[in-house]
C-alpha atoms as a PDB file:
ATOM      1  CA  MET A   1      23.726  40.395   2.147  1.00  0.00           C
ATOM      2  CA  LEU A   2      22.785  37.490   0.393  1.00  0.00           C
ATOM      3  CA  LYS A   3      24.786  35.255  -1.824  1.00  0.00           C
ATOM      4  CA  LEU A   4      23.294  32.816  -4.244  1.00  0.00           C
ATOM      5  CA  LYS A   5      24.664  30.113  -7.170  1.00  0.00           C
ATOM      6  CA  VAL A   6      23.177  30.468  -9.931  1.00  0.00           C
ATOM      7  CA  ASP A   7      23.114  27.831 -12.883  1.00  0.00           C
ATOM      8  CA  GLY A   8      23.367  29.162 -16.583  1.00  0.00           C
ATOM      9  CA  MET A   9      25.523  31.655 -16.746  1.00  0.00           C
ATOM     10  CA  THR A  10      27.636  31.427 -19.286  1.00  0.00           C
ATOM     11  CA  CYS A  11      28.265  35.123 -20.525  1.00  0.00           C
ATOM     12  CA  GLY A  12      28.839  38.722 -20.214  1.00  0.00           C
ATOM     13  CA  HIS A  13      24.845  39.133 -20.833  1.00  0.00           C
ATOM     14  CA  CYS A  14      23.699  36.180 -18.513  1.00  0.00           C
ATOM     15  CA  ALA A  15      25.677  38.183 -15.710  1.00  0.00           C
ATOM     16  CA  ARG A  16      23.936  41.302 -17.038  1.00  0.00           C
ATOM     17  CA  ALA A  17      20.762  40.051 -17.046  1.00  0.00           C
ATOM     18  CA  VAL A  18      20.822  38.337 -13.583  1.00  0.00           C
ATOM     19  CA  ALA A  19      22.004  41.541 -11.820  1.00  0.00           C
ATOM     20  CA  GLU A  20      19.053  43.448 -13.774  1.00  0.00           C
ATOM     21  CA  ALA A  21      16.641  41.207 -12.710  1.00  0.00           C
ATOM     22  CA  VAL A  22      17.849  41.064  -9.154  1.00  0.00           C
ATOM     23  CA  GLU A  23      18.338  45.009  -8.701  1.00  0.00           C
ATOM     24  CA  SER A  24      14.682  45.015 -10.037  1.00  0.00           C
ATOM     25  CA  VAL A  25      13.257  43.495  -6.487  1.00  0.00           C
ATOM     26  CA  PRO A  26      12.327  46.260  -3.811  1.00  0.00           C
ATOM     27  CA  ALA A  27      14.826  46.846  -0.988  1.00  0.00           C
ATOM     28  CA  VAL A  28      18.016  45.691  -3.581  1.00  0.00           C
ATOM     29  CA  GLU A  29      20.509  48.229  -3.465  1.00  0.00           C
ATOM     30  CA  ARG A  30      23.061  46.455  -5.439  1.00  0.00           C
ATOM     31  CA  ALA A  31      23.458  43.083  -7.740  1.00  0.00           C
ATOM     32  CA  LEU A  32      27.153  42.208  -7.901  1.00  0.00           C
ATOM     33  CA  VAL A  33      27.860  38.799 -10.269  1.00  0.00           C
ATOM     34  CA  ASP A  34      31.159  36.952 -10.114  1.00  0.00           C
ATOM     35  CA  LEU A  35      30.258  35.114 -13.484  1.00  0.00           C
ATOM     36  CA  ALA A  36      33.431  32.784 -13.012  1.00  0.00           C
ATOM     37  CA  ALA A  37      32.430  31.499  -9.997  1.00  0.00           C
ATOM     38  CA  GLY A  38      28.731  32.068 -10.747  1.00  0.00           C
ATOM     39  CA  GLU A  39      27.281  33.657  -8.005  1.00  0.00           C
ATOM     40  CA  VAL A  40      25.980  37.020  -7.643  1.00  0.00           C
ATOM     41  CA  THR A  41      25.955  38.944  -4.154  1.00  0.00           C
ATOM     42  CA  VAL A  42      22.501  40.770  -2.976  1.00  0.00           C
ATOM     43  CA  GLU A  43      23.214  44.277  -1.362  1.00  0.00           C
ATOM     44  CA  GLY A  44      19.989  45.583   1.100  1.00  0.00           C
ATOM     45  CA  GLY A  45      16.732  43.944   2.730  1.00  0.00           C
ATOM     46  CA  ALA A  46      15.526  42.000  -0.164  1.00  0.00           C
ATOM     47  CA  ASP A  47      13.571  39.002   0.294  1.00  0.00           C
ATOM     48  CA  GLU A  48      15.647  35.744  -1.295  1.00  0.00           C
ATOM     49  CA  GLY A  49      12.327  34.290  -2.063  1.00  0.00           C
ATOM     50  CA  ALA A  50      12.037  37.540  -4.821  1.00  0.00           C
ATOM     51  CA  VAL A  51      15.256  37.487  -5.306  1.00  0.00           C
ATOM     52  CA  ARG A  52      14.505  33.677  -6.582  1.00  0.00           C
ATOM     53  CA  GLN A  53      11.589  33.838  -8.184  1.00  0.00           C
ATOM     54  CA  ALA A  54      13.760  36.820 -10.035  1.00  0.00           C
ATOM     55  CA  ILE A  55      16.654  34.925 -11.194  1.00  0.00           C
ATOM     56  CA  ALA A  56      14.327  32.405 -12.773  1.00  0.00           C
ATOM     57  CA  ASP A  57      11.989  34.770 -14.780  1.00  0.00           C
ATOM     58  CA  ALA A  58      15.170  35.908 -16.427  1.00  0.00           C
ATOM     59  CA  GLY A  59      16.005  32.015 -17.204  1.00  0.00           C
ATOM     60  CA  TYR A  60      18.559  31.271 -14.296  1.00  0.00           C
ATOM     61  CA  ASP A  61      18.033  28.830 -12.015  1.00  0.00           C
ATOM     62  CA  ALA A  62      19.731  29.975  -8.178  1.00  0.00           C
ATOM     63  CA  ARG A  63      19.976  28.640  -4.614  1.00  0.00           C
ATOM     64  CA  PRO A  64      22.188  29.258  -1.640  1.00  0.00           C
ATOM     65  CA  ALA A  65      25.283  29.521  -2.431  1.00  0.00           C
ATOM     66  CA  ALA A  66      28.070  26.937  -0.311  1.00  0.00           C
END
């Protein structure tokens, strides 16, 4: 499991966009977005770099969650 902090999510549309971007990455089984916390939890064996790139391509910044 991978947890990332996502900057720039401000609404439900943003959360859906991040979830869809992450779920498009190979080996992602599920993306759980917590809009209030500004985080996404990724289930599966996806590469962190690929997940972060997908989030960046959707227009958001991601970094490891503390």
